[in-house]
Amino acid sequence: MDSQMSLLMEVHELIKEYSKLGDSLSNPENAIIGVEEELKLTDEEVKALKANEFDFHSICGIEKIVRDRMLSTFFHFFCIIDSVGDPKFRNDDTVWLGLKLERRGLDEEREHEEFLHDMLYEAFWKWQEIKSNT
């Protein structure tokens, strides 16, 4: 199996795993473990979630909606990488040619390269700043 297919299959596995919301809906006070304050549930949100009695079928329905939204997010993300979609937040007017994901090597030049997963949280704050100014 090639690297691209392995990556794409991992995306499907992550979508399935992270869409499991039954425990989070039953115990919303423990649902958000992220570091971003904006994502933490307020007391009112926890109270509202606890007031609902989610049964098996409602949880399955919610999980399907979340999986569909996550799959759509990854699809559009890969469209931008493949250059069949354009990113909204760019500093120039050049033609978007996409990005290339490639297997990492062991060369020393990449030793100091920033990782996307590390940059993700920094990008959150930049995105939030841009959105609040528009």
N, C-alpha and C. Protein backbone atom coordinates (compact mmCIF):
# COMPACT_ATOMS: atom_id res chain seq x y z
N MET A 1 0.85 -1.17 0.00
CA MET A 1 0.00 0.00 0.00
C MET A 1 0.90 1.24 0.00
N ASP A 2 0.56 2.23 -0.82
CA ASP A 2 1.41 3.40 -0.90
C ASP A 2 1.12 4.39 0.24
N SER A 3 2.00 5.36 0.41
CA SER A 3 1.90 6.32 1.52
C SER A 3 0.63 7.15 1.46
N GLN A 4 0.25 7.57 0.27
CA GLN A 4 -0.95 8.39 0.14
C GLN A 4 -2.20 7.63 0.60
N MET A 5 -2.32 6.40 0.15
CA MET A 5 -3.48 5.61 0.54
C MET A 5 -3.46 5.34 2.05
N SER A 6 -2.31 5.12 2.61
CA SER A 6 -2.20 4.93 4.07
C SER A 6 -2.68 6.17 4.81
N LEU A 7 -2.25 7.34 4.33
CA LEU A 7 -2.68 8.60 4.95
C LEU A 7 -4.20 8.76 4.85
N LEU A 8 -4.75 8.53 3.68
CA LEU A 8 -6.18 8.70 3.49
C LEU A 8 -7.00 7.71 4.32
N MET A 9 -6.52 6.49 4.43
CA MET A 9 -7.21 5.51 5.27
C MET A 9 -7.13 5.93 6.74
N GLU A 10 -6.01 6.50 7.15
CA GLU A 10 -5.87 7.00 8.52
C GLU A 10 -6.87 8.13 8.78
N VAL A 11 -7.10 8.99 7.79
CA VAL A 11 -8.10 10.05 7.93
C VAL A 11 -9.47 9.45 8.23
N HIS A 12 -9.85 8.42 7.50
CA HIS A 12 -11.14 7.77 7.74
C HIS A 12 -11.21 7.16 9.14
N GLU A 13 -10.11 6.57 9.58
CA GLU A 13 -10.06 5.98 10.92
C GLU A 13 -10.21 7.08 11.98
N LEU A 14 -9.52 8.20 11.80
CA LEU A 14 -9.61 9.30 12.76
C LEU A 14 -11.02 9.90 12.79
N ILE A 15 -11.62 10.06 11.63
CA ILE A 15 -12.99 10.57 11.57
C ILE A 15 -13.92 9.67 12.37
N LYS A 16 -13.82 8.39 12.15
CA LYS A 16 -14.67 7.44 12.88
C LYS A 16 -14.41 7.52 14.38
N GLU A 17 -13.13 7.52 14.77
CA GLU A 17 -12.76 7.54 16.18
C GLU A 17 -13.21 8.83 16.88
N TYR A 18 -12.95 9.97 16.25
CA TYR A 18 -13.23 11.25 16.91
C TYR A 18 -14.70 11.68 16.79
N SER A 19 -15.48 10.96 16.02
CA SER A 19 -16.90 11.29 15.95
C SER A 19 -17.71 10.57 17.03
N LYS A 20 -17.09 9.69 17.77
CA LYS A 20 -17.78 8.99 18.85
C LYS A 20 -18.04 9.97 19.99
N LEU A 21 -19.28 10.40 20.11
CA LEU A 21 -19.63 11.48 21.03
C LEU A 21 -20.49 11.06 22.20
N GLY A 22 -20.84 9.80 22.28
CA GLY A 22 -21.74 9.35 23.33
C GLY A 22 -21.28 9.75 24.73
N ASP A 23 -20.03 9.48 25.07
CA ASP A 23 -19.51 9.84 26.40
C ASP A 23 -19.50 11.34 26.61
N SER A 24 -19.13 12.08 25.56
CA SER A 24 -19.08 13.54 25.67
C SER A 24 -20.48 14.14 25.87
N LEU A 25 -21.47 13.55 25.22
CA LEU A 25 -22.83 14.05 25.38
C LEU A 25 -23.39 13.69 26.76
N SER A 26 -22.99 12.54 27.28
CA SER A 26 -23.46 12.11 28.60
C SER A 26 -22.73 12.84 29.73
N ASN A 27 -21.48 13.19 29.50
CA ASN A 27 -20.66 13.88 30.50
C ASN A 27 -20.00 15.10 29.88
N PRO A 28 -20.79 16.12 29.52
CA PRO A 28 -20.24 17.26 28.79
C PRO A 28 -19.18 18.06 29.56
N GLU A 29 -19.19 17.97 30.88
CA GLU A 29 -18.19 18.71 31.65
C GLU A 29 -16.78 18.19 31.39
N ASN A 30 -16.66 16.97 30.87
CA ASN A 30 -15.36 16.39 30.55
C ASN A 30 -15.11 16.30 29.05
N ALA A 31 -15.98 16.92 28.25
CA ALA A 31 -15.94 16.71 26.81
C ALA A 31 -14.79 17.43 26.12
N ILE A 32 -14.47 18.62 26.53
CA ILE A 32 -13.47 19.42 25.84
C ILE A 32 -12.17 19.38 26.62
N ILE A 33 -11.15 18.84 26.00
CA ILE A 33 -9.85 18.77 26.68
C ILE A 33 -8.82 19.64 25.98
N GLY A 34 -9.25 20.35 24.91
CA GLY A 34 -8.34 21.19 24.15
C GLY A 34 -7.85 22.39 24.94
N VAL A 35 -6.87 23.05 24.40
CA VAL A 35 -6.26 24.18 25.09
C VAL A 35 -6.89 25.51 24.74
N GLU A 36 -7.68 25.56 23.69
CA GLU A 36 -8.27 26.82 23.25
C GLU A 36 -9.48 27.17 24.09
N GLU A 37 -9.43 28.32 24.72
CA GLU A 37 -10.51 28.77 25.60
C GLU A 37 -11.84 28.84 24.87
N GLU A 38 -11.80 29.24 23.60
CA GLU A 38 -13.02 29.38 22.80
C GLU A 38 -13.77 28.06 22.67
N LEU A 39 -13.07 26.94 22.78
CA LEU A 39 -13.69 25.63 22.60
C LEU A 39 -14.21 25.01 23.89
N LYS A 40 -13.90 25.60 25.01
CA LYS A 40 -14.35 25.05 26.28
C LYS A 40 -15.83 25.38 26.48
N LEU A 41 -16.56 24.42 27.00
CA LEU A 41 -17.99 24.60 27.22
C LEU A 41 -18.23 25.52 28.41
N THR A 42 -19.22 26.40 28.25
CA THR A 42 -19.61 27.25 29.36
C THR A 42 -20.50 26.44 30.31
N ASP A 43 -20.73 26.97 31.49
CA ASP A 43 -21.61 26.30 32.45
C ASP A 43 -23.01 26.15 31.86
N GLU A 44 -23.46 27.16 31.13
CA GLU A 44 -24.79 27.10 30.51
C GLU A 44 -24.86 26.00 29.45
N GLU A 45 -23.79 25.85 28.67
CA GLU A 45 -23.76 24.81 27.64
C GLU A 45 -23.74 23.42 28.26
N VAL A 46 -22.98 23.25 29.32
CA VAL A 46 -22.95 21.96 30.02
C VAL A 46 -24.34 21.64 30.56
N LYS A 47 -24.97 22.63 31.20
CA LYS A 47 -26.30 22.44 31.77
C LYS A 47 -27.31 22.06 30.68
N ALA A 48 -27.25 22.75 29.54
CA ALA A 48 -28.19 22.47 28.44
C ALA A 48 -27.97 21.06 27.88
N LEU A 49 -26.72 20.65 27.75
CA LEU A 49 -26.45 19.30 27.25
C LEU A 49 -26.91 18.23 28.24
N LYS A 50 -26.70 18.48 29.51
CA LYS A 50 -27.13 17.51 30.52
C LYS A 50 -28.65 17.39 30.59
N ALA A 51 -29.35 18.46 30.21
CA ALA A 51 -30.82 18.45 30.25
C ALA A 51 -31.41 17.53 29.19
N ASN A 52 -30.64 17.25 28.14
CA ASN A 52 -31.11 16.36 27.08
C ASN A 52 -30.86 14.91 27.47
N GLU A 53 -31.77 14.09 27.10
CA GLU A 53 -31.59 12.66 27.33
C GLU A 53 -31.32 12.01 25.98
N PHE A 54 -30.06 11.92 25.65
CA PHE A 54 -29.67 11.35 24.38
C PHE A 54 -29.77 9.83 24.45
N ASP A 55 -30.57 9.25 23.56
CA ASP A 55 -30.65 7.80 23.51
C ASP A 55 -29.71 7.29 22.41
N PHE A 56 -29.68 6.00 22.25
CA PHE A 56 -28.78 5.36 21.29
C PHE A 56 -28.95 5.94 19.90
N HIS A 57 -30.19 6.09 19.44
CA HIS A 57 -30.46 6.55 18.08
C HIS A 57 -30.09 8.02 17.89
N SER A 58 -30.32 8.86 18.89
CA SER A 58 -29.95 10.27 18.74
C SER A 58 -28.43 10.42 18.72
N ILE A 59 -27.74 9.64 19.53
CA ILE A 59 -26.28 9.70 19.53
C ILE A 59 -25.74 9.20 18.18
N CYS A 60 -26.30 8.12 17.65
CA CYS A 60 -25.87 7.63 16.33
C CYS A 60 -26.10 8.69 15.25
N GLY A 61 -27.24 9.36 15.30
CA GLY A 61 -27.54 10.42 14.33
C GLY A 61 -26.57 11.58 14.45
N ILE A 62 -26.27 12.01 15.66
CA ILE A 62 -25.32 13.11 15.87
C ILE A 62 -23.94 12.70 15.38
N GLU A 63 -23.52 11.47 15.67
CA GLU A 63 -22.21 11.00 15.24
C GLU A 63 -22.12 10.96 13.71
N LYS A 64 -23.19 10.58 13.03
CA LYS A 64 -23.18 10.57 11.57
C LYS A 64 -23.05 11.98 11.01
N ILE A 65 -23.74 12.94 11.63
CA ILE A 65 -23.64 14.33 11.19
C ILE A 65 -22.20 14.83 11.38
N VAL A 66 -21.61 14.52 12.53
CA VAL A 66 -20.23 14.95 12.80
C VAL A 66 -19.26 14.29 11.81
N ARG A 67 -19.42 13.00 11.55
CA ARG A 67 -18.55 12.32 10.59
C ARG A 67 -18.67 12.94 9.21
N ASP A 68 -19.90 13.25 8.79
CA ASP A 68 -20.11 13.88 7.48
C ASP A 68 -19.40 15.24 7.42
N ARG A 69 -19.51 16.03 8.47
CA ARG A 69 -18.86 17.36 8.50
C ARG A 69 -17.34 17.21 8.52
N MET A 70 -16.84 16.24 9.25
CA MET A 70 -15.39 16.02 9.29
C MET A 70 -14.88 15.54 7.94
N LEU A 71 -15.61 14.63 7.30
CA LEU A 71 -15.22 14.13 5.99
C LEU A 71 -15.22 15.27 4.98
N SER A 72 -16.23 16.13 5.03
CA SER A 72 -16.27 17.29 4.14
C SER A 72 -15.10 18.23 4.39
N THR A 73 -14.73 18.41 5.65
CA THR A 73 -13.59 19.26 5.98
C THR A 73 -12.31 18.70 5.37
N PHE A 74 -12.06 17.42 5.56
CA PHE A 74 -10.86 16.82 4.98
C PHE A 74 -10.90 16.86 3.45
N PHE A 75 -12.07 16.61 2.86
CA PHE A 75 -12.19 16.65 1.41
C PHE A 75 -11.78 18.02 0.88
N HIS A 76 -12.31 19.08 1.49
CA HIS A 76 -11.98 20.43 1.03
C HIS A 76 -10.53 20.79 1.32
N PHE A 77 -10.00 20.29 2.43
CA PHE A 77 -8.59 20.49 2.75
C PHE A 77 -7.71 19.86 1.66
N PHE A 78 -8.03 18.63 1.27
CA PHE A 78 -7.25 17.96 0.23
C PHE A 78 -7.46 18.62 -1.13
N CYS A 79 -8.63 19.21 -1.38
CA CYS A 79 -8.84 19.97 -2.62
C CYS A 79 -7.88 21.16 -2.68
N ILE A 80 -7.68 21.82 -1.54
CA ILE A 80 -6.74 22.95 -1.51
C ILE A 80 -5.32 22.45 -1.74
N ILE A 81 -4.94 21.37 -1.11
CA ILE A 81 -3.61 20.80 -1.33
C ILE A 81 -3.43 20.43 -2.80
N ASP A 82 -4.45 19.83 -3.41
CA ASP A 82 -4.38 19.38 -4.80
C ASP A 82 -4.51 20.52 -5.81
N SER A 83 -4.78 21.71 -5.36
CA SER A 83 -4.95 22.93 -6.17
C SER A 83 -6.23 22.94 -7.01
N VAL A 84 -7.22 22.20 -6.60
CA VAL A 84 -8.53 22.31 -7.24
C VAL A 84 -9.45 23.18 -6.40
N GLY A 85 -8.91 23.74 -5.34
CA GLY A 85 -9.58 24.70 -4.48
C GLY A 85 -8.54 25.73 -4.04
N ASP A 86 -8.99 26.91 -3.68
CA ASP A 86 -8.08 27.97 -3.26
C ASP A 86 -8.27 28.30 -1.78
N PRO A 87 -7.16 28.50 -1.07
CA PRO A 87 -7.29 28.92 0.34
C PRO A 87 -7.79 30.35 0.41
N LYS A 88 -8.61 30.66 1.39
CA LYS A 88 -9.17 32.01 1.55
C LYS A 88 -8.16 32.99 2.11
N PHE A 89 -7.25 32.53 2.93
CA PHE A 89 -6.35 33.42 3.66
C PHE A 89 -4.95 33.35 3.03
N ARG A 90 -4.71 34.27 2.11
CA ARG A 90 -3.42 34.33 1.44
C ARG A 90 -2.94 35.76 1.42
N ASN A 91 -1.62 35.94 1.33
CA ASN A 91 -1.03 37.26 1.35
C ASN A 91 -0.77 37.85 -0.04
N ASP A 92 -0.97 37.07 -1.08
CA ASP A 92 -0.68 37.57 -2.42
C ASP A 92 -1.76 37.14 -3.40
N ASP A 93 -1.66 37.66 -4.61
CA ASP A 93 -2.65 37.36 -5.64
C ASP A 93 -2.12 36.39 -6.70
N THR A 94 -1.07 35.65 -6.38
CA THR A 94 -0.54 34.69 -7.35
C THR A 94 -1.50 33.51 -7.49
N VAL A 95 -1.33 32.76 -8.54
CA VAL A 95 -2.15 31.58 -8.77
C VAL A 95 -1.76 30.51 -7.76
N TRP A 96 -2.76 29.94 -7.11
CA TRP A 96 -2.51 28.88 -6.13
C TRP A 96 -2.20 27.59 -6.87
N LEU A 97 -1.04 27.03 -6.63
CA LEU A 97 -0.61 25.80 -7.31
C LEU A 97 -0.69 24.58 -6.42
N GLY A 98 -1.20 24.74 -5.21
CA GLY A 98 -1.33 23.62 -4.30
C GLY A 98 -0.06 23.37 -3.52
N LEU A 99 -0.08 22.32 -2.76
CA LEU A 99 1.06 21.89 -1.96
C LEU A 99 1.35 20.44 -2.29
N LYS A 100 2.55 20.03 -1.97
CA LYS A 100 2.91 18.64 -2.19
C LYS A 100 3.28 18.02 -0.85
N LEU A 101 2.60 16.97 -0.48
CA LEU A 101 2.97 16.21 0.70
C LEU A 101 3.91 15.11 0.24
N GLU A 102 5.01 14.98 0.93
CA GLU A 102 5.96 13.95 0.55
C GLU A 102 6.50 13.26 1.78
N ARG A 103 7.01 12.07 1.58
CA ARG A 103 7.62 11.34 2.70
C ARG A 103 8.85 12.09 3.17
N ARG A 104 8.99 12.15 4.46
CA ARG A 104 10.15 12.82 5.04
C ARG A 104 11.37 11.91 4.92
N GLY A 105 12.50 12.57 4.73
CA GLY A 105 13.76 11.86 4.72
C GLY A 105 14.49 12.13 6.03
N LEU A 106 15.71 11.72 6.09
CA LEU A 106 16.51 11.93 7.29
C LEU A 106 17.55 13.02 7.11
N ASP A 107 17.42 13.81 6.04
CA ASP A 107 18.44 14.83 5.80
C ASP A 107 18.39 15.93 6.87
N GLU A 108 19.55 16.51 7.10
CA GLU A 108 19.70 17.49 8.18
C GLU A 108 18.92 18.77 7.93
N GLU A 109 18.68 19.11 6.67
CA GLU A 109 17.95 20.33 6.35
C GLU A 109 16.54 20.31 6.94
N ARG A 110 15.92 19.17 6.99
CA ARG A 110 14.56 19.06 7.52
C ARG A 110 14.53 19.00 9.03
N GLU A 111 15.68 18.89 9.64
CA GLU A 111 15.73 18.78 11.09
C GLU A 111 15.14 20.01 11.77
N HIS A 112 15.25 21.18 11.13
CA HIS A 112 14.78 22.43 11.73
C HIS A 112 13.47 22.92 11.09
N GLU A 113 12.88 22.10 10.26
CA GLU A 113 11.63 22.45 9.60
C GLU A 113 10.48 22.40 10.60
N GLU A 114 9.57 23.38 10.49
CA GLU A 114 8.42 23.38 11.40
C GLU A 114 7.43 22.31 10.97
N PHE A 115 6.76 21.72 11.95
CA PHE A 115 5.75 20.71 11.68
C PHE A 115 4.37 21.35 11.64
N LEU A 116 3.53 20.86 10.74
CA LEU A 116 2.18 21.41 10.62
C LEU A 116 1.37 21.24 11.90
N HIS A 117 1.50 20.10 12.57
CA HIS A 117 0.70 19.90 13.78
C HIS A 117 1.10 20.90 14.86
N ASP A 118 2.34 21.33 14.88
CA ASP A 118 2.76 22.34 15.84
C ASP A 118 2.26 23.73 15.44
N MET A 119 2.17 23.98 14.16
CA MET A 119 1.74 25.29 13.66
C MET A 119 0.23 25.47 13.74
N LEU A 120 -0.52 24.39 13.90
CA LEU A 120 -1.98 24.44 13.88
C LEU A 120 -2.55 25.39 14.92
N TYR A 121 -2.04 25.35 16.15
CA TYR A 121 -2.58 26.21 17.20
C TYR A 121 -2.20 27.66 16.99
N GLU A 122 -1.00 27.91 16.49
CA GLU A 122 -0.59 29.28 16.15
C GLU A 122 -1.50 29.84 15.06
N ALA A 123 -1.83 29.00 14.09
CA ALA A 123 -2.71 29.42 13.00
C ALA A 123 -4.10 29.75 13.52
N PHE A 124 -4.54 29.06 14.56
CA PHE A 124 -5.86 29.35 15.15
C PHE A 124 -5.93 30.82 15.58
N TRP A 125 -4.90 31.28 16.27
CA TRP A 125 -4.91 32.66 16.76
C TRP A 125 -4.82 33.65 15.62
N LYS A 126 -4.05 33.36 14.58
CA LYS A 126 -3.97 34.24 13.40
C LYS A 126 -5.31 34.28 12.68
N TRP A 127 -5.94 33.12 12.52
CA TRP A 127 -7.24 33.04 11.86
C TRP A 127 -8.27 33.83 12.65
N GLN A 128 -8.27 33.67 13.97
CA GLN A 128 -9.22 34.36 14.81
C GLN A 128 -9.04 35.88 14.70
N GLU A 129 -7.81 36.33 14.65
CA GLU A 129 -7.52 37.77 14.53
C GLU A 129 -8.05 38.32 13.20
N ILE A 130 -7.79 37.59 12.12
CA ILE A 130 -8.27 38.02 10.80
C ILE A 130 -9.79 38.04 10.76
N LYS A 131 -10.42 37.01 11.30
CA LYS A 131 -11.89 36.94 11.30
C LYS A 131 -12.52 38.06 12.13
N SER A 132 -11.88 38.44 13.21
CA SER A 132 -12.44 39.50 14.06
C SER A 132 -12.27 40.88 13.44
N ASN A 133 -11.33 41.02 12.49
CA ASN A 133 -11.11 42.29 11.82
C ASN A 133 -11.97 42.47 10.58
N THR A 134 -12.72 41.43 10.22
CA THR A 134 -13.55 41.55 9.01
C THR A 134 -15.00 41.69 9.35
